[in-house]
N, C-alpha and C. Protein backbone atom coordinates (compact mmCIF):
# COMPACT_ATOMS: atom_id res chain seq x y z
N MET A 1 -29.03 141.46 29.99
CA MET A 1 -29.77 141.91 31.16
C MET A 1 -28.84 142.13 32.35
N GLU A 2 -27.97 141.14 32.61
CA GLU A 2 -27.06 141.25 33.74
C GLU A 2 -26.09 142.41 33.56
N ARG A 3 -25.60 142.59 32.31
CA ARG A 3 -24.68 143.70 32.03
C ARG A 3 -25.39 145.03 32.26
N ASN A 4 -26.64 145.14 31.83
CA ASN A 4 -27.39 146.37 32.04
C ASN A 4 -27.53 146.70 33.52
N MET A 5 -27.88 145.70 34.31
CA MET A 5 -28.04 145.92 35.75
C MET A 5 -26.72 146.34 36.39
N THR A 6 -25.63 145.72 35.95
CA THR A 6 -24.31 146.06 36.47
C THR A 6 -23.95 147.50 36.13
N MET A 7 -24.20 147.90 34.89
CA MET A 7 -23.85 149.27 34.47
C MET A 7 -24.72 150.30 35.19
N ILE A 8 -25.99 149.99 35.39
CA ILE A 8 -26.88 150.91 36.12
C ILE A 8 -26.37 151.09 37.54
N ALA A 9 -26.03 149.99 38.20
CA ALA A 9 -25.51 150.07 39.57
C ALA A 9 -24.16 150.79 39.60
N LEU A 10 -23.33 150.54 38.61
CA LEU A 10 -22.02 151.19 38.55
C LEU A 10 -22.16 152.71 38.43
N PHE A 11 -23.09 153.15 37.59
CA PHE A 11 -23.27 154.60 37.43
C PHE A 11 -23.96 155.24 38.62
N ALA A 12 -24.82 154.51 39.31
CA ALA A 12 -25.38 155.03 40.56
C ALA A 12 -24.24 155.23 41.57
N ALA A 13 -23.32 154.27 41.60
CA ALA A 13 -22.15 154.39 42.49
C ALA A 13 -21.25 155.54 42.07
N LEU A 14 -21.10 155.75 40.77
CA LEU A 14 -20.29 156.87 40.28
C LEU A 14 -20.88 158.21 40.72
N ILE A 15 -22.19 158.35 40.61
CA ILE A 15 -22.83 159.58 41.05
C ILE A 15 -22.59 159.78 42.55
N ALA A 16 -22.70 158.71 43.32
CA ALA A 16 -22.43 158.80 44.76
C ALA A 16 -20.98 159.19 45.02
N ALA A 17 -20.06 158.57 44.31
CA ALA A 17 -18.63 158.86 44.51
C ALA A 17 -18.30 160.31 44.16
N LEU A 18 -18.95 160.84 43.14
CA LEU A 18 -18.70 162.23 42.76
C LEU A 18 -19.18 163.21 43.84
N GLY A 19 -20.05 162.75 44.71
CA GLY A 19 -20.47 163.56 45.85
C GLY A 19 -19.41 163.67 46.93
N LEU A 20 -18.41 162.78 46.87
CA LEU A 20 -17.33 162.81 47.85
C LEU A 20 -16.28 163.86 47.52
N ILE A 21 -16.27 164.30 46.26
CA ILE A 21 -15.35 165.37 45.88
C ILE A 21 -15.79 166.61 46.62
N PRO A 22 -14.88 167.26 47.32
CA PRO A 22 -15.28 168.44 48.08
C PRO A 22 -16.02 169.44 47.20
N SER A 23 -17.13 169.92 47.74
CA SER A 23 -17.93 170.87 46.98
C SER A 23 -17.64 172.29 47.42
N LEU A 24 -17.90 173.19 46.52
CA LEU A 24 -17.77 174.61 46.79
C LEU A 24 -19.16 175.11 47.13
N THR A 25 -19.31 175.77 48.26
CA THR A 25 -20.61 176.28 48.66
C THR A 25 -20.64 177.78 48.45
N LEU A 26 -21.62 178.23 47.70
CA LEU A 26 -21.78 179.66 47.45
C LEU A 26 -22.34 180.34 48.69
N ALA A 27 -22.29 181.64 48.68
CA ALA A 27 -22.70 182.44 49.84
C ALA A 27 -24.12 182.12 50.31
N PHE A 28 -25.02 181.77 49.42
CA PHE A 28 -26.40 181.52 49.84
C PHE A 28 -26.65 180.05 50.13
N GLY A 29 -25.58 179.26 50.36
CA GLY A 29 -25.70 177.91 50.89
C GLY A 29 -25.93 176.79 49.90
N VAL A 30 -25.80 177.04 48.62
CA VAL A 30 -26.03 176.00 47.63
C VAL A 30 -24.68 175.42 47.20
N PRO A 31 -24.50 174.10 47.34
CA PRO A 31 -23.21 173.52 46.98
C PRO A 31 -23.07 173.32 45.48
N ILE A 32 -21.86 173.53 44.98
CA ILE A 32 -21.52 173.20 43.60
C ILE A 32 -20.79 171.87 43.69
N THR A 33 -21.35 170.84 43.06
CA THR A 33 -20.79 169.50 43.17
C THR A 33 -20.51 168.91 41.80
N ALA A 34 -19.81 167.80 41.80
CA ALA A 34 -19.54 167.07 40.56
C ALA A 34 -20.63 166.04 40.27
N GLN A 35 -21.60 165.90 41.16
CA GLN A 35 -22.62 164.87 40.97
C GLN A 35 -23.46 165.08 39.72
N SER A 36 -23.71 166.33 39.37
CA SER A 36 -24.51 166.55 38.15
C SER A 36 -23.74 166.09 36.91
N MET A 37 -22.41 166.08 36.98
CA MET A 37 -21.64 165.53 35.86
C MET A 37 -21.83 164.01 35.80
N GLY A 38 -22.00 163.36 36.93
CA GLY A 38 -22.31 161.94 36.94
C GLY A 38 -23.63 161.65 36.25
N VAL A 39 -24.60 162.53 36.44
CA VAL A 39 -25.88 162.41 35.76
C VAL A 39 -25.69 162.54 34.25
N MET A 40 -24.88 163.52 33.85
CA MET A 40 -24.59 163.72 32.43
C MET A 40 -23.90 162.50 31.84
N LEU A 41 -22.92 161.98 32.55
CA LEU A 41 -22.20 160.79 32.07
C LEU A 41 -23.12 159.58 31.98
N ALA A 42 -24.00 159.42 32.94
CA ALA A 42 -24.94 158.28 32.92
C ALA A 42 -25.78 158.31 31.66
N GLY A 43 -26.34 159.46 31.34
CA GLY A 43 -27.16 159.57 30.14
C GLY A 43 -26.34 159.37 28.88
N ALA A 44 -25.17 160.00 28.83
CA ALA A 44 -24.34 159.95 27.62
C ALA A 44 -23.81 158.56 27.34
N ILE A 45 -23.40 157.85 28.36
CA ILE A 45 -22.76 156.54 28.17
C ILE A 45 -23.78 155.40 28.17
N LEU A 46 -24.74 155.45 29.08
CA LEU A 46 -25.69 154.34 29.19
C LEU A 46 -26.88 154.47 28.25
N GLY A 47 -27.18 155.67 27.83
CA GLY A 47 -28.37 155.89 27.02
C GLY A 47 -29.54 156.36 27.88
N ALA A 48 -30.65 156.63 27.23
CA ALA A 48 -31.79 157.25 27.90
C ALA A 48 -32.35 156.41 29.04
N LYS A 49 -32.77 155.19 28.75
CA LYS A 49 -33.44 154.37 29.77
C LYS A 49 -32.49 153.95 30.89
N ARG A 50 -31.34 153.39 30.52
CA ARG A 50 -30.40 152.92 31.55
C ARG A 50 -29.84 154.09 32.35
N GLY A 51 -29.58 155.22 31.69
CA GLY A 51 -29.09 156.41 32.40
C GLY A 51 -30.09 156.90 33.42
N ALA A 52 -31.36 157.00 33.02
CA ALA A 52 -32.40 157.43 33.96
C ALA A 52 -32.55 156.43 35.10
N LEU A 53 -32.46 155.13 34.79
CA LEU A 53 -32.57 154.11 35.84
C LEU A 53 -31.42 154.20 36.84
N ALA A 54 -30.21 154.51 36.35
CA ALA A 54 -29.07 154.67 37.26
C ALA A 54 -29.32 155.82 38.22
N VAL A 55 -29.86 156.91 37.71
CA VAL A 55 -30.15 158.06 38.56
C VAL A 55 -31.28 157.74 39.52
N LEU A 56 -32.30 157.05 39.06
CA LEU A 56 -33.40 156.66 39.95
C LEU A 56 -32.93 155.73 41.06
N LEU A 57 -32.02 154.82 40.74
CA LEU A 57 -31.44 153.94 41.78
C LEU A 57 -30.71 154.78 42.82
N PHE A 58 -29.90 155.72 42.36
CA PHE A 58 -29.19 156.62 43.27
C PHE A 58 -30.19 157.38 44.15
N MET A 59 -31.24 157.90 43.53
CA MET A 59 -32.24 158.67 44.29
C MET A 59 -32.95 157.79 45.32
N ALA A 60 -33.21 156.54 44.98
CA ALA A 60 -33.84 155.62 45.92
C ALA A 60 -32.94 155.40 47.13
N LEU A 61 -31.66 155.27 46.90
CA LEU A 61 -30.71 155.10 48.02
C LEU A 61 -30.68 156.34 48.90
N VAL A 62 -30.74 157.51 48.28
CA VAL A 62 -30.79 158.76 49.05
C VAL A 62 -32.09 158.81 49.86
N ALA A 63 -33.21 158.43 49.24
CA ALA A 63 -34.50 158.44 49.93
C ALA A 63 -34.51 157.51 51.14
N LEU A 64 -33.77 156.41 51.04
CA LEU A 64 -33.67 155.47 52.16
C LEU A 64 -32.84 156.03 53.32
N GLY A 65 -32.19 157.16 53.08
CA GLY A 65 -31.43 157.81 54.14
C GLY A 65 -29.93 157.72 54.00
N LEU A 66 -29.44 157.06 52.97
CA LEU A 66 -28.00 156.99 52.79
C LEU A 66 -27.46 158.40 52.49
N PRO A 67 -26.40 158.80 53.15
CA PRO A 67 -25.87 160.17 52.99
C PRO A 67 -25.00 160.29 51.73
N LEU A 68 -25.61 160.16 50.57
CA LEU A 68 -24.87 160.09 49.32
C LEU A 68 -24.77 161.42 48.58
N LEU A 69 -25.57 162.38 48.97
CA LEU A 69 -25.48 163.68 48.31
C LEU A 69 -24.30 164.46 48.88
N ALA A 70 -23.83 165.41 48.12
CA ALA A 70 -22.70 166.23 48.57
C ALA A 70 -22.98 166.77 49.97
N GLY A 71 -21.97 166.76 50.78
CA GLY A 71 -22.11 167.23 52.15
C GLY A 71 -22.70 166.18 53.07
N GLY A 72 -22.84 164.94 52.59
CA GLY A 72 -23.36 163.86 53.43
C GLY A 72 -24.86 163.94 53.67
N ARG A 73 -25.59 164.52 52.75
CA ARG A 73 -27.03 164.64 52.92
C ARG A 73 -27.73 163.41 52.36
N GLY A 74 -28.84 163.07 52.95
CA GLY A 74 -29.68 161.96 52.51
C GLY A 74 -31.00 162.00 53.24
N GLY A 75 -31.90 161.15 52.86
CA GLY A 75 -33.21 161.09 53.50
C GLY A 75 -34.27 161.82 52.70
N LEU A 76 -35.50 161.70 53.17
CA LEU A 76 -36.63 162.27 52.45
C LEU A 76 -36.62 163.80 52.43
N GLY A 77 -35.94 164.42 53.37
CA GLY A 77 -35.87 165.88 53.40
C GLY A 77 -35.20 166.48 52.17
N THR A 78 -34.36 165.68 51.52
CA THR A 78 -33.69 166.19 50.32
C THR A 78 -34.67 166.39 49.16
N PHE A 79 -35.86 165.80 49.28
CA PHE A 79 -36.86 165.93 48.23
C PHE A 79 -37.75 167.15 48.40
N VAL A 80 -37.58 167.88 49.50
CA VAL A 80 -38.39 169.08 49.74
C VAL A 80 -37.54 170.31 50.06
N ALA A 81 -36.25 170.21 49.87
CA ALA A 81 -35.35 171.35 50.10
C ALA A 81 -35.49 172.36 48.96
N PRO A 82 -35.00 173.58 49.14
CA PRO A 82 -35.09 174.58 48.05
C PRO A 82 -34.43 174.13 46.75
N THR A 83 -33.42 173.26 46.83
CA THR A 83 -32.75 172.80 45.61
C THR A 83 -33.27 171.44 45.14
N SER A 84 -34.37 170.97 45.72
CA SER A 84 -34.88 169.64 45.36
C SER A 84 -35.34 169.56 43.91
N GLY A 85 -35.72 170.67 43.32
CA GLY A 85 -36.12 170.64 41.91
C GLY A 85 -35.00 170.15 41.01
N PHE A 86 -33.78 170.60 41.31
CA PHE A 86 -32.62 170.11 40.54
C PHE A 86 -32.49 168.61 40.70
N PHE A 87 -32.56 168.15 41.95
CA PHE A 87 -32.44 166.72 42.27
C PHE A 87 -33.53 165.92 41.57
N LEU A 88 -34.76 166.40 41.61
CA LEU A 88 -35.87 165.70 40.96
C LEU A 88 -35.74 165.71 39.44
N GLY A 89 -35.02 166.67 38.91
CA GLY A 89 -34.80 166.75 37.47
C GLY A 89 -33.69 165.85 36.96
N TRP A 90 -32.89 165.28 37.85
CA TRP A 90 -31.76 164.45 37.42
C TRP A 90 -32.16 163.29 36.52
N PRO A 91 -33.16 162.47 36.86
CA PRO A 91 -33.47 161.35 35.94
C PRO A 91 -33.97 161.83 34.58
N VAL A 92 -34.71 162.93 34.56
CA VAL A 92 -35.20 163.46 33.29
C VAL A 92 -34.01 163.97 32.48
N ALA A 93 -33.07 164.65 33.15
CA ALA A 93 -31.88 165.15 32.46
C ALA A 93 -31.09 164.00 31.85
N ALA A 94 -30.86 162.94 32.62
CA ALA A 94 -30.12 161.78 32.10
C ALA A 94 -30.86 161.17 30.92
N PHE A 95 -32.18 161.08 31.01
CA PHE A 95 -32.97 160.51 29.92
C PHE A 95 -32.84 161.36 28.65
N VAL A 96 -32.96 162.68 28.78
CA VAL A 96 -32.87 163.57 27.63
C VAL A 96 -31.49 163.51 27.00
N ILE A 97 -30.45 163.51 27.82
CA ILE A 97 -29.08 163.42 27.31
C ILE A 97 -28.92 162.12 26.53
N GLY A 98 -29.33 161.01 27.14
CA GLY A 98 -29.21 159.71 26.49
C GLY A 98 -30.00 159.63 25.20
N LEU A 99 -31.19 160.19 25.20
CA LEU A 99 -32.03 160.17 24.00
C LEU A 99 -31.37 160.94 22.85
N ILE A 100 -30.81 162.10 23.16
CA ILE A 100 -30.14 162.89 22.13
C ILE A 100 -28.93 162.13 21.58
N VAL A 101 -28.13 161.54 22.46
CA VAL A 101 -26.93 160.81 22.01
C VAL A 101 -27.34 159.58 21.19
N GLU A 102 -28.39 158.90 21.59
CA GLU A 102 -28.87 157.73 20.84
C GLU A 102 -29.36 158.11 19.44
N ARG A 103 -30.06 159.21 19.36
CA ARG A 103 -30.70 159.59 18.09
C ARG A 103 -29.79 160.39 17.16
N TRP A 104 -28.87 161.15 17.71
CA TRP A 104 -28.02 162.03 16.91
C TRP A 104 -26.69 161.31 16.64
N GLN A 105 -26.68 160.48 15.64
CA GLN A 105 -25.53 159.62 15.34
C GLN A 105 -24.49 160.29 14.45
N SER A 106 -24.85 161.37 13.78
CA SER A 106 -23.88 162.03 12.89
C SER A 106 -23.06 163.03 13.70
N GLY A 107 -21.89 163.29 13.23
CA GLY A 107 -21.00 164.24 13.91
C GLY A 107 -20.16 163.57 14.97
N PRO A 108 -19.14 164.27 15.42
CA PRO A 108 -18.25 163.72 16.44
C PRO A 108 -19.00 163.46 17.76
N LEU A 109 -18.74 162.32 18.36
CA LEU A 109 -19.42 161.94 19.60
C LEU A 109 -19.22 162.98 20.70
N GLY A 110 -18.00 163.47 20.86
CA GLY A 110 -17.73 164.44 21.92
C GLY A 110 -18.57 165.70 21.80
N VAL A 111 -18.75 166.17 20.58
CA VAL A 111 -19.57 167.37 20.34
C VAL A 111 -21.04 167.07 20.63
N THR A 112 -21.50 165.92 20.15
CA THR A 112 -22.88 165.51 20.39
C THR A 112 -23.16 165.41 21.88
N VAL A 113 -22.26 164.77 22.62
CA VAL A 113 -22.45 164.61 24.07
C VAL A 113 -22.42 165.96 24.77
N THR A 114 -21.52 166.83 24.37
CA THR A 114 -21.46 168.16 24.99
C THR A 114 -22.77 168.91 24.77
N LEU A 115 -23.27 168.91 23.54
CA LEU A 115 -24.53 169.59 23.25
C LEU A 115 -25.70 168.93 23.98
N ALA A 116 -25.71 167.60 24.02
CA ALA A 116 -26.77 166.89 24.74
C ALA A 116 -26.71 167.22 26.23
N SER A 117 -25.51 167.36 26.77
CA SER A 117 -25.35 167.69 28.19
C SER A 117 -25.80 169.11 28.48
N VAL A 118 -25.59 170.01 27.53
CA VAL A 118 -26.09 171.38 27.71
C VAL A 118 -27.61 171.38 27.70
N ILE A 119 -28.20 170.64 26.76
CA ILE A 119 -29.66 170.61 26.65
C ILE A 119 -30.28 169.90 27.86
N GLY A 120 -29.84 168.68 28.13
CA GLY A 120 -30.43 167.90 29.22
C GLY A 120 -29.90 168.27 30.59
N GLY A 121 -28.58 168.41 30.67
CA GLY A 121 -27.94 168.63 31.97
C GLY A 121 -27.96 170.06 32.46
N ILE A 122 -28.30 170.99 31.57
CA ILE A 122 -28.41 172.39 32.01
C ILE A 122 -29.84 172.88 31.78
N LEU A 123 -30.30 172.91 30.55
CA LEU A 123 -31.63 173.47 30.28
C LEU A 123 -32.74 172.71 31.00
N VAL A 124 -32.76 171.40 30.87
CA VAL A 124 -33.80 170.60 31.52
C VAL A 124 -33.64 170.66 33.03
N MET A 125 -32.42 170.43 33.51
CA MET A 125 -32.20 170.41 34.96
C MET A 125 -32.51 171.77 35.58
N TYR A 126 -32.09 172.85 34.93
CA TYR A 126 -32.38 174.18 35.44
C TYR A 126 -33.88 174.46 35.41
N GLY A 127 -34.57 173.95 34.41
CA GLY A 127 -36.02 174.12 34.37
C GLY A 127 -36.67 173.55 35.62
N PHE A 128 -36.31 172.33 35.96
CA PHE A 128 -36.82 171.71 37.19
C PHE A 128 -36.37 172.49 38.41
N GLY A 129 -35.09 172.86 38.44
CA GLY A 129 -34.53 173.55 39.60
C GLY A 129 -35.16 174.90 39.85
N ILE A 130 -35.37 175.66 38.79
CA ILE A 130 -35.96 177.00 38.94
C ILE A 130 -37.40 176.90 39.44
N VAL A 131 -38.16 175.97 38.91
CA VAL A 131 -39.54 175.78 39.38
C VAL A 131 -39.53 175.37 40.85
N GLY A 132 -38.66 174.42 41.20
CA GLY A 132 -38.58 173.97 42.59
C GLY A 132 -38.18 175.09 43.54
N MET A 133 -37.21 175.89 43.14
CA MET A 133 -36.79 177.02 43.98
C MET A 133 -37.92 178.04 44.12
N SER A 134 -38.62 178.28 43.04
CA SER A 134 -39.72 179.24 43.07
C SER A 134 -40.79 178.82 44.08
N ILE A 135 -41.10 177.54 44.08
CA ILE A 135 -42.10 177.02 45.01
C ILE A 135 -41.57 177.09 46.44
N ALA A 136 -40.36 176.60 46.66
CA ALA A 136 -39.80 176.52 48.02
C ALA A 136 -39.49 177.89 48.62
N LEU A 137 -38.98 178.79 47.80
CA LEU A 137 -38.56 180.11 48.30
C LEU A 137 -39.63 181.17 48.15
N LYS A 138 -40.74 180.82 47.49
CA LYS A 138 -41.83 181.75 47.23
C LYS A 138 -41.33 183.01 46.51
N LYS A 139 -40.53 182.75 45.48
CA LYS A 139 -40.01 183.81 44.62
C LYS A 139 -40.53 183.57 43.21
N THR A 140 -40.42 184.60 42.37
CA THR A 140 -40.86 184.44 40.99
C THR A 140 -39.87 183.55 40.24
N LEU A 141 -40.32 183.04 39.11
CA LEU A 141 -39.44 182.23 38.27
C LEU A 141 -38.25 183.07 37.79
N ALA A 142 -38.49 184.33 37.48
CA ALA A 142 -37.41 185.21 37.02
C ALA A 142 -36.37 185.42 38.13
N GLU A 143 -36.83 185.62 39.35
CA GLU A 143 -35.90 185.80 40.47
C GLU A 143 -35.05 184.55 40.67
N CYS A 144 -35.69 183.40 40.59
CA CYS A 144 -34.95 182.14 40.77
C CYS A 144 -34.01 181.89 39.60
N ALA A 145 -34.41 182.26 38.40
CA ALA A 145 -33.53 182.11 37.25
C ALA A 145 -32.27 182.95 37.44
N MET A 146 -32.42 184.13 38.00
CA MET A 146 -31.25 184.98 38.27
C MET A 146 -30.35 184.33 39.33
N LEU A 147 -30.94 183.67 40.31
CA LEU A 147 -30.15 183.03 41.37
C LEU A 147 -29.25 181.92 40.83
N VAL A 148 -29.71 181.21 39.81
CA VAL A 148 -28.95 180.07 39.32
C VAL A 148 -27.89 180.43 38.28
N THR A 149 -27.87 181.68 37.84
CA THR A 149 -26.89 182.06 36.81
C THR A 149 -25.45 181.87 37.29
N ALA A 150 -25.23 181.92 38.58
CA ALA A 150 -23.87 181.72 39.12
C ALA A 150 -23.35 180.32 38.84
N PHE A 151 -24.25 179.37 38.58
CA PHE A 151 -23.86 177.99 38.36
C PHE A 151 -23.57 177.66 36.90
N LEU A 152 -23.96 178.54 36.00
CA LEU A 152 -23.80 178.26 34.57
C LEU A 152 -22.36 177.97 34.14
N PRO A 153 -21.37 178.77 34.51
CA PRO A 153 -20.01 178.46 34.06
C PRO A 153 -19.53 177.07 34.48
N GLY A 154 -19.79 176.70 35.72
CA GLY A 154 -19.39 175.38 36.20
C GLY A 154 -20.11 174.26 35.48
N ASP A 155 -21.40 174.45 35.22
CA ASP A 155 -22.16 173.41 34.53
C ASP A 155 -21.78 173.32 33.06
N LEU A 156 -21.42 174.43 32.45
CA LEU A 156 -20.92 174.38 31.07
C LEU A 156 -19.59 173.61 31.03
N LEU A 157 -18.74 173.83 32.02
CA LEU A 157 -17.48 173.08 32.11
C LEU A 157 -17.76 171.59 32.27
N LYS A 158 -18.73 171.23 33.10
CA LYS A 158 -19.09 169.82 33.29
C LYS A 158 -19.59 169.21 31.98
N ALA A 159 -20.35 169.97 31.20
CA ALA A 159 -20.86 169.47 29.92
C ALA A 159 -19.70 169.20 28.96
N VAL A 160 -18.73 170.11 28.92
CA VAL A 160 -17.56 169.92 28.05
C VAL A 160 -16.74 168.72 28.52
N LEU A 161 -16.53 168.60 29.82
CA LEU A 161 -15.79 167.46 30.35
C LEU A 161 -16.51 166.14 30.07
N THR A 162 -17.83 166.14 30.16
CA THR A 162 -18.60 164.95 29.85
C THR A 162 -18.39 164.54 28.40
N GLY A 163 -18.40 165.52 27.50
CA GLY A 163 -18.14 165.23 26.08
C GLY A 163 -16.75 164.66 25.87
N ALA A 164 -15.75 165.25 26.52
CA ALA A 164 -14.36 164.80 26.36
C ALA A 164 -14.17 163.40 26.96
N ILE A 165 -14.74 163.16 28.13
CA ILE A 165 -14.61 161.84 28.77
C ILE A 165 -15.29 160.76 27.92
N THR A 166 -16.48 161.06 27.44
CA THR A 166 -17.21 160.09 26.62
C THR A 166 -16.46 159.81 25.32
N GLN A 167 -15.92 160.84 24.70
CA GLN A 167 -15.15 160.67 23.47
C GLN A 167 -13.91 159.81 23.72
N ALA A 168 -13.19 160.08 24.82
CA ALA A 168 -12.00 159.29 25.15
C ALA A 168 -12.36 157.84 25.43
N LEU A 169 -13.46 157.63 26.13
CA LEU A 169 -13.91 156.26 26.42
C LEU A 169 -14.30 155.54 25.13
N ALA A 170 -14.94 156.25 24.21
CA ALA A 170 -15.33 155.65 22.93
C ALA A 170 -14.11 155.25 22.11
N ARG A 171 -13.05 156.02 22.20
CA ARG A 171 -11.82 155.67 21.47
C ARG A 171 -11.17 154.42 22.06
N SER A 172 -11.12 154.35 23.38
CA SER A 172 -10.40 153.24 24.02
C SER A 172 -11.26 151.98 24.15
N ARG A 173 -12.56 152.13 24.34
CA ARG A 173 -13.47 150.98 24.51
C ARG A 173 -14.81 151.30 23.84
N PRO A 174 -14.86 151.25 22.52
CA PRO A 174 -16.08 151.64 21.79
C PRO A 174 -17.35 150.92 22.25
N ALA A 175 -17.23 149.67 22.62
CA ALA A 175 -18.42 148.91 23.03
C ALA A 175 -19.00 149.38 24.38
N SER A 176 -18.23 150.18 25.11
CA SER A 176 -18.69 150.64 26.41
C SER A 176 -19.69 151.78 26.33
N ILE A 177 -19.81 152.39 25.16
CA ILE A 177 -20.77 153.48 24.97
C ILE A 177 -22.10 152.85 24.57
N LEU A 178 -22.89 152.48 25.57
CA LEU A 178 -24.13 151.76 25.32
C LEU A 178 -25.17 152.62 24.61
N SER A 179 -25.04 153.93 24.72
CA SER A 179 -25.99 154.82 24.05
C SER A 179 -25.86 154.78 22.55
N ARG A 180 -24.77 154.23 22.06
CA ARG A 180 -24.53 154.15 20.61
C ARG A 180 -24.73 152.74 20.07
N HIS A 181 -25.15 151.79 20.90
CA HIS A 181 -25.33 150.41 20.44
C HIS A 181 -26.75 149.96 20.65
């Protein structure tokens, strides 16, 4: 129990720390950050439940006003911004990634994590994000889907990096991959 709580808090802190990495802001004001990779790592390493809890803890801290999102953003306003759908999809993405890694035990871990990150960290997260953008911007789902295509290459890179990091961690400290135990 204590180890679980420690790992959940550690991954919430990791997601926050990844927000400190300077982000690239596209012309229409949406930042590209490393924080979504923290969500992918939380699900891949901690598993479905603990990964989602780590993200929920992070979100609770943001809701309290801590400036933990990229660019120093925090507070309840982050839950109603045009990109809030992505943010609200983070715990679901971590859960889906963790669930896939927990259940799909055959094959190389790095490949499994990369595929799980594409499914949870891109497909699921983009699903939430596109719906949220559509509501906030009063655009069609198709228009919003076109807006997010600029983020696909970066998110695919994050999914591959998540697979490589998880695989390297499994080699050096196998017991640290809680999604496999």
